[in-house]
Amino acid sequence: MKNVLAKKTFLGLWLLLVVLPGCGGSDRPKTYPATGKVIYRGQPVPDAEVTFVPTKGPMASGKTDAQGQFQLSTFSPNDGAVAGEYTVLVVKKEKYVDPRAPSSPYEMYRNLLPARYSSLQTSPLKATIKPESPNQLTLELTD
């Protein structure tokens, strides 16, 4: 009886390891390479979080490097974004110590960019990802 149970357990684990990794991947929408640059006050913005939010479908995101350049990722690193229209959010966080409570155990952050770029309701940034390459975007932020 133990031998039969062990064989069934092995067969179940084998199915999980061999069959499941192939599931779901083919149902994903196609992504297209997308890169860009974030500029604020005429300068590239390093270490900013860039998020592309569609009206429907998966979001894409990236982080800017020292030159303000980013590459979008949706399902895996640098795979791009699904074709379509997006509202774009950009945030650059800085650790902040509240002078009223300097010994607070909670980490606080503040956004170093204008607040309107951090909200879906107020961000003026729009972008279109197209199936044709390249999708190279410049996000110019203003005060």
C-alpha atoms as a PDB file:
ATOM      1  CA  MET A   1       0.000   0.000   0.000  1.00  0.00           C
ATOM      2  CA  LYS A   2       2.831   2.424   0.865  1.00  0.00           C
ATOM      3  CA  ASN A   3       4.513   1.621  -2.457  1.00  0.00           C
ATOM      4  CA  VAL A   4       1.337   2.496  -4.433  1.00  0.00           C
ATOM      5  CA  LEU A   5       0.934   5.746  -2.484  1.00  0.00           C
ATOM      6  CA  ALA A   6       4.577   6.652  -3.130  1.00  0.00           C
ATOM      7  CA  LYS A   7       4.128   6.012  -6.867  1.00  0.00           C
ATOM      8  CA  LYS A   8       0.984   8.180  -6.977  1.00  0.00           C
ATOM      9  CA  THR A   9       2.743  10.943  -5.058  1.00  0.00           C
ATOM     10  CA  PHE A  10       5.724  10.770  -7.426  1.00  0.00           C
ATOM     11  CA  LEU A  11       3.414  10.846 -10.463  1.00  0.00           C
ATOM     12  CA  GLY A  12       1.549  13.874  -9.038  1.00  0.00           C
ATOM     13  CA  LEU A  13       4.772  15.759  -8.360  1.00  0.00           C
ATOM     14  CA  TRP A  14       6.107  14.864 -11.796  1.00  0.00           C
ATOM     15  CA  LEU A  15       2.950  16.266 -13.430  1.00  0.00           C
ATOM     16  CA  LEU A  16       3.292  19.486 -11.440  1.00  0.00           C
ATOM     17  CA  LEU A  17       6.925  19.927 -12.439  1.00  0.00           C
ATOM     18  CA  VAL A  18       6.599  18.966 -16.096  1.00  0.00           C
ATOM     19  CA  VAL A  19       3.120  20.050 -17.155  1.00  0.00           C
ATOM     20  CA  LEU A  20       2.350  23.181 -15.142  1.00  0.00           C
ATOM     21  CA  PRO A  21       5.344  25.311 -16.180  1.00  0.00           C
ATOM     22  CA  GLY A  22       3.966  25.228 -19.734  1.00  0.00           C
ATOM     23  CA  CYS A  23       0.505  26.328 -18.640  1.00  0.00           C
ATOM     24  CA  GLY A  24      -0.507  29.930 -18.793  1.00  0.00           C
ATOM     25  CA  GLY A  25       2.471  31.194 -20.806  1.00  0.00           C
ATOM     26  CA  SER A  26       0.680  30.834 -24.130  1.00  0.00           C
ATOM     27  CA  ASP A  27      -2.332  32.777 -22.805  1.00  0.00           C
ATOM     28  CA  ARG A  28      -0.237  35.877 -22.221  1.00  0.00           C
ATOM     29  CA  PRO A  29      -0.681  38.754 -24.628  1.00  0.00           C
ATOM     30  CA  LYS A  30       2.334  39.540 -26.794  1.00  0.00           C
ATOM     31  CA  THR A  31       4.683  42.220 -25.513  1.00  0.00           C
ATOM     32  CA  TYR A  32       6.813  44.611 -27.550  1.00  0.00           C
ATOM     33  CA  PRO A  33      10.157  46.123 -26.523  1.00  0.00           C
ATOM     34  CA  ALA A  34       9.756  49.590 -25.046  1.00  0.00           C
ATOM     35  CA  THR A  35      12.417  51.930 -23.727  1.00  0.00           C
ATOM     36  CA  GLY A  36      12.489  55.544 -22.741  1.00  0.00           C
ATOM     37  CA  LYS A  37      13.976  58.414 -20.856  1.00  0.00           C
ATOM     38  CA  VAL A  38      12.617  60.584 -18.046  1.00  0.00           C
ATOM     39  CA  ILE A  39      13.611  64.257 -18.066  1.00  0.00           C
ATOM     40  CA  TYR A  40      12.757  66.891 -15.443  1.00  0.00           C
ATOM     41  CA  ARG A  41      13.974  70.479 -15.538  1.00  0.00           C
ATOM     42  CA  GLY A  42      16.127  69.601 -18.550  1.00  0.00           C
ATOM     43  CA  GLN A  43      17.993  66.838 -16.682  1.00  0.00           C
ATOM     44  CA  PRO A  44      17.690  63.043 -16.762  1.00  0.00           C
ATOM     45  CA  VAL A  45      15.959  61.605 -13.672  1.00  0.00           C
ATOM     46  CA  PRO A  46      17.838  58.661 -12.114  1.00  0.00           C
ATOM     47  CA  ASP A  47      16.194  56.054  -9.835  1.00  0.00           C
ATOM     48  CA  ALA A  48      12.618  56.923 -10.808  1.00  0.00           C
ATOM     49  CA  GLU A  49       9.873  54.291 -10.927  1.00  0.00           C
ATOM     50  CA  VAL A  50       7.956  54.413 -14.210  1.00  0.00           C
ATOM     51  CA  THR A  51       4.586  52.616 -14.419  1.00  0.00           C
ATOM     52  CA  PHE A  52       2.466  52.240 -17.552  1.00  0.00           C
ATOM     53  CA  VAL A  53      -1.187  51.665 -16.607  1.00  0.00           C
ATOM     54  CA  PRO A  54      -3.566  50.541 -19.385  1.00  0.00           C
ATOM     55  CA  THR A  55      -7.339  50.933 -19.353  1.00  0.00           C
ATOM     56  CA  LYS A  56      -7.431  47.130 -19.403  1.00  0.00           C
ATOM     57  CA  GLY A  57      -4.747  44.475 -19.411  1.00  0.00           C
ATOM     58  CA  PRO A  58      -1.419  44.124 -17.616  1.00  0.00           C
ATOM     59  CA  MET A  59       0.665  47.037 -16.374  1.00  0.00           C
ATOM     60  CA  ALA A  60       4.289  47.500 -17.383  1.00  0.00           C
ATOM     61  CA  SER A  61       7.007  49.121 -15.326  1.00  0.00           C
ATOM     62  CA  GLY A  62      10.662  50.008 -15.218  1.00  0.00           C
ATOM     63  CA  LYS A  63      13.227  51.926 -13.210  1.00  0.00           C
ATOM     64  CA  THR A  64      15.473  54.619 -14.595  1.00  0.00           C
ATOM     65  CA  ASP A  65      19.233  54.280 -14.557  1.00  0.00           C
ATOM     66  CA  ALA A  66      21.766  57.063 -13.870  1.00  0.00           C
ATOM     67  CA  GLN A  67      21.057  58.585 -17.316  1.00  0.00           C
ATOM     68  CA  GLY A  68      17.267  58.547 -16.810  1.00  0.00           C
ATOM     69  CA  GLN A  69      16.834  55.594 -19.211  1.00  0.00           C
ATOM     70  CA  PHE A  70      14.337  52.789 -18.551  1.00  0.00           C
ATOM     71  CA  GLN A  71      13.196  49.519 -20.119  1.00  0.00           C
ATOM     72  CA  LEU A  72       9.669  48.276 -19.562  1.00  0.00           C
ATOM     73  CA  SER A  73       8.829  44.878 -18.108  1.00  0.00           C
ATOM     74  CA  THR A  74       5.425  43.199 -17.987  1.00  0.00           C
ATOM     75  CA  PHE A  75       5.789  39.443 -17.433  1.00  0.00           C
ATOM     76  CA  SER A  76       9.573  39.053 -17.287  1.00  0.00           C
ATOM     77  CA  PRO A  77      12.534  41.449 -17.093  1.00  0.00           C
ATOM     78  CA  ASN A  78      12.774  43.823 -20.061  1.00  0.00           C
ATOM     79  CA  ASP A  79      10.119  42.016 -22.131  1.00  0.00           C
ATOM     80  CA  GLY A  80       8.375  45.295 -22.961  1.00  0.00           C
ATOM     81  CA  ALA A  81       4.663  46.101 -22.854  1.00  0.00           C
ATOM     82  CA  VAL A  82       1.448  44.961 -24.518  1.00  0.00           C
ATOM     83  CA  ALA A  83       0.387  47.116 -27.479  1.00  0.00           C
ATOM     84  CA  GLY A  84      -2.118  49.786 -26.494  1.00  0.00           C
ATOM     85  CA  GLU A  85      -2.783  53.104 -24.791  1.00  0.00           C
ATOM     86  CA  TYR A  86      -1.370  53.869 -21.338  1.00  0.00           C
ATOM     87  CA  THR A  87      -1.432  56.506 -18.637  1.00  0.00           C
ATOM     88  CA  VAL A  88       2.099  56.856 -17.302  1.00  0.00           C
ATOM     89  CA  LEU A  89       3.060  57.411 -13.661  1.00  0.00           C
ATOM     90  CA  VAL A  90       6.523  58.528 -12.554  1.00  0.00           C
ATOM     91  CA  VAL A  91       7.713  58.640  -8.943  1.00  0.00           C
ATOM     92  CA  LYS A  92      11.150  59.233  -7.455  1.00  0.00           C
ATOM     93  CA  LYS A  93      11.183  58.271  -3.792  1.00  0.00           C
ATOM     94  CA  GLU A  94      13.585  59.534  -1.179  1.00  0.00           C
ATOM     95  CA  LYS A  95      13.785  58.230   2.353  1.00  0.00           C
ATOM     96  CA  TYR A  96      12.512  60.904   4.701  1.00  0.00           C
ATOM     97  CA  VAL A  97      12.850  61.403   8.431  1.00  0.00           C
ATOM     98  CA  ASP A  98       9.969  63.339   9.954  1.00  0.00           C
ATOM     99  CA  PRO A  99      11.569  66.047  12.121  1.00  0.00           C
ATOM    100  CA  ARG A 100       8.553  65.846  14.464  1.00  0.00           C
ATOM    101  CA  ALA A 101       9.199  62.141  15.100  1.00  0.00           C
ATOM    102  CA  PRO A 102      12.847  61.411  14.221  1.00  0.00           C
ATOM    103  CA  SER A 103      12.893  58.131  16.147  1.00  0.00           C
ATOM    104  CA  SER A 104       9.766  56.737  14.475  1.00  0.00           C
ATOM    105  CA  PRO A 105      10.112  53.009  13.692  1.00  0.00           C
ATOM    106  CA  TYR A 106       8.320  53.518  10.364  1.00  0.00           C
ATOM    107  CA  GLU A 107      10.232  54.283   7.205  1.00  0.00           C
ATOM    108  CA  MET A 108       8.818  57.272   5.386  1.00  0.00           C
ATOM    109  CA  TYR A 109       9.354  58.329   1.794  1.00  0.00           C
ATOM    110  CA  ARG A 110       8.614  61.461  -0.131  1.00  0.00           C
ATOM    111  CA  ASN A 111       8.287  61.984  -3.846  1.00  0.00           C
ATOM    112  CA  LEU A 112      10.888  64.320  -5.333  1.00  0.00           C
ATOM    113  CA  LEU A 113       8.852  64.911  -8.503  1.00  0.00           C
ATOM    114  CA  PRO A 114       5.631  66.917  -8.946  1.00  0.00           C
ATOM    115  CA  ALA A 115       2.778  65.002  -7.320  1.00  0.00           C
ATOM    116  CA  ARG A 116       0.547  65.031 -10.406  1.00  0.00           C
ATOM    117  CA  TYR A 117       2.804  62.413 -12.059  1.00  0.00           C
ATOM    118  CA  SER A 118       2.102  59.897  -9.275  1.00  0.00           C
ATOM    119  CA  SER A 119      -1.678  59.613  -9.705  1.00  0.00           C
ATOM    120  CA  LEU A 120      -3.867  58.093 -12.417  1.00  0.00           C
ATOM    121  CA  GLN A 121      -6.352  60.903 -11.916  1.00  0.00           C
ATOM    122  CA  THR A 122      -3.827  63.697 -12.477  1.00  0.00           C
ATOM    123  CA  SER A 123      -0.971  62.394 -14.620  1.00  0.00           C
ATOM    124  CA  PRO A 124      -0.908  64.182 -17.982  1.00  0.00           C
ATOM    125  CA  LEU A 125       1.493  61.582 -19.377  1.00  0.00           C
ATOM    126  CA  LYS A 126       0.014  59.309 -22.041  1.00  0.00           C
ATOM    127  CA  ALA A 127       1.841  56.778 -24.198  1.00  0.00           C
ATOM    128  CA  THR A 128       1.060  54.331 -26.967  1.00  0.00           C
ATOM    129  CA  ILE A 129       2.923  51.056 -27.347  1.00  0.00           C
ATOM    130  CA  LYS A 130       2.840  49.840 -30.953  1.00  0.00           C
ATOM    131  CA  PRO A 131       3.608  46.405 -32.390  1.00  0.00           C
ATOM    132  CA  GLU A 132       6.257  48.010 -34.575  1.00  0.00           C
ATOM    133  CA  SER A 133       9.644  48.525 -33.005  1.00  0.00           C
ATOM    134  CA  PRO A 134      11.202  50.589 -31.685  1.00  0.00           C
ATOM    135  CA  ASN A 135       8.952  51.992 -28.968  1.00  0.00           C
ATOM    136  CA  GLN A 136      11.240  54.741 -27.718  1.00  0.00           C
ATOM    137  CA  LEU A 137       9.579  57.268 -25.449  1.00  0.00           C
ATOM    138  CA  THR A 138      10.670  60.528 -23.870  1.00  0.00           C
ATOM    139  CA  LEU A 139       8.782  61.528 -20.740  1.00  0.00           C
ATOM    140  CA  GLU A 140       9.360  65.212 -20.120  1.00  0.00           C
ATOM    141  CA  LEU A 141       8.104  66.337 -16.722  1.00  0.00           C
ATOM    142  CA  THR A 142       7.332  69.956 -15.871  1.00  0.00           C
ATOM    143  CA  ASP A 143       6.550  71.847 -12.670  1.00  0.00           C
END
